[in-house]
Protein backbone atom coordinates (compact mmCIF):
# COMPACT_ATOMS: atom_id res chain seq x y z
CA MET A 1 162.63 -9.97 60.86
CA TRP A 2 159.61 -8.02 59.94
CA THR A 3 159.40 -10.02 56.57
CA ALA A 4 159.52 -13.22 58.47
CA VAL A 5 156.75 -12.05 60.96
CA SER A 6 154.60 -10.68 58.12
CA HIS A 7 154.83 -13.88 56.14
CA MET A 8 154.24 -16.39 58.95
CA SER A 9 151.91 -19.37 58.10
CA MET A 10 148.81 -19.99 60.14
CA THR A 11 150.60 -23.00 61.74
CA ALA A 12 153.65 -20.91 62.86
CA PHE A 13 151.21 -18.25 64.18
CA ALA A 14 149.10 -20.86 66.11
CA CYS A 15 152.29 -22.28 67.60
CA VAL A 16 153.46 -19.02 68.86
CA LEU A 17 150.02 -18.13 70.21
CA PHE A 18 149.75 -21.50 71.91
CA MET A 19 153.27 -21.33 73.32
CA SER A 20 153.04 -17.82 74.53
CA TYR A 21 149.67 -18.11 76.10
CA GLY A 22 148.31 -21.61 76.61
CA ALA A 23 151.53 -23.36 77.45
CA THR A 24 152.66 -20.51 79.69
CA LEU A 25 149.66 -20.45 81.73
CA PHE A 26 149.37 -24.23 82.06
CA GLY A 27 153.11 -24.58 82.82
CA PHE A 28 153.14 -22.06 85.46
CA ALA A 29 149.71 -23.41 86.94
CA SER A 30 151.02 -26.92 86.99
CA TRP A 31 154.31 -26.07 88.35
CA ASN A 32 152.79 -24.01 91.24
CA ARG A 33 150.22 -26.93 92.09
CA LEU A 34 153.17 -29.47 92.23
CA LEU A 35 155.27 -27.08 94.42
CA HIS A 36 152.34 -26.90 96.85
CA ARG A 37 151.87 -30.63 96.95
CA TYR A 38 155.45 -31.88 96.98
CA PRO A 39 158.83 -30.88 98.34
CA THR A 40 160.95 -28.81 96.13
CA PRO A 41 163.90 -31.25 95.72
CA LEU A 42 161.42 -33.80 94.33
CA ILE A 43 159.97 -31.36 91.75
CA SER A 44 162.85 -29.21 90.62
CA PRO A 45 164.63 -31.93 88.45
CA PHE A 46 161.45 -31.92 86.10
CA ALA A 47 162.43 -28.34 85.07
CA LEU A 48 164.80 -30.17 82.81
CA LEU A 49 161.95 -31.14 80.66
CA THR A 50 161.48 -27.57 79.50
CA PRO A 51 163.90 -27.61 76.63
CA VAL A 52 162.96 -31.24 75.89
CA SER A 53 159.37 -30.26 75.38
CA GLY A 54 160.41 -27.53 73.09
CA LEU A 55 162.44 -29.83 71.05
CA VAL A 56 159.72 -32.51 70.82
CA SER A 57 156.93 -30.07 70.10
CA GLY A 58 158.86 -28.47 67.32
CA ALA A 59 159.35 -32.05 65.83
CA ILE A 60 155.72 -33.01 66.15
CA PHE A 61 153.99 -29.88 65.14
CA LEU A 62 156.35 -28.19 62.85
CA GLY A 63 158.05 -31.09 61.24
CA GLU A 64 161.53 -30.30 62.53
CA SER A 65 163.93 -33.08 62.83
CA LEU A 66 166.14 -33.80 65.85
CA ALA A 67 169.86 -34.02 65.26
CA ALA A 68 171.42 -36.95 66.66
CA VAL A 69 173.12 -34.78 69.61
CA GLN A 70 169.74 -33.48 70.41
CA ALA A 71 168.13 -36.75 70.42
CA ILE A 72 171.07 -38.14 72.85
CA GLY A 73 170.53 -35.16 74.98
CA VAL A 74 166.77 -35.96 75.30
CA ALA A 75 167.58 -39.65 76.11
CA LEU A 76 170.06 -38.36 78.88
CA VAL A 77 167.63 -36.02 80.33
CA PHE A 78 165.02 -38.83 80.67
CA ALA A 79 167.60 -41.30 81.90
CA GLY A 80 168.54 -38.75 84.67
CA LEU A 81 165.00 -38.16 85.56
CA LEU A 82 164.50 -41.86 85.88
CA VAL A 83 167.44 -42.23 88.19
CA ASN A 84 166.38 -39.11 90.29
CA VAL A 85 162.84 -40.24 90.74
CA TYR A 86 163.28 -44.04 90.94
CA GLY A 87 166.74 -44.39 91.94
CA PRO A 88 166.02 -44.69 95.78
CA ARG A 89 163.40 -47.41 95.10
CA TRP A 90 165.81 -49.24 92.75
CA SER A 91 168.77 -49.14 95.37
CA ALA A 92 166.34 -50.30 98.19
CA ARG A 93 165.24 -53.17 96.19
CA LEU A 94 169.02 -54.04 95.30
CA ARG A 95 169.81 -53.91 99.00
CA ARG A 96 167.03 -56.11 100.15
CA ALA A 97 167.82 -58.47 97.26
CA GLY A 98 171.37 -58.79 98.23
CA ALA A 99 170.71 -59.11 101.79
């Protein structure tokens, strides 16, 4: 472990620094602000984006590739969030269109 840390590239060091300081402070500040403005049941499903953002940032900044199962998982999380956020609107529209 010490060898890996002592031979880290500047990109890896910058990613660790960004994730440990910048993203953490931004994430907690944003989360707290959202919780003050909106009801908790509306906001809590967005916590599912935490692992998705880790996978996507690794793919973008570190050149990692997503496995097929990971890509399917990301798509399912986004689909679930779409249903959770827009589902009531969609079902209301369907009821109005059918009536």
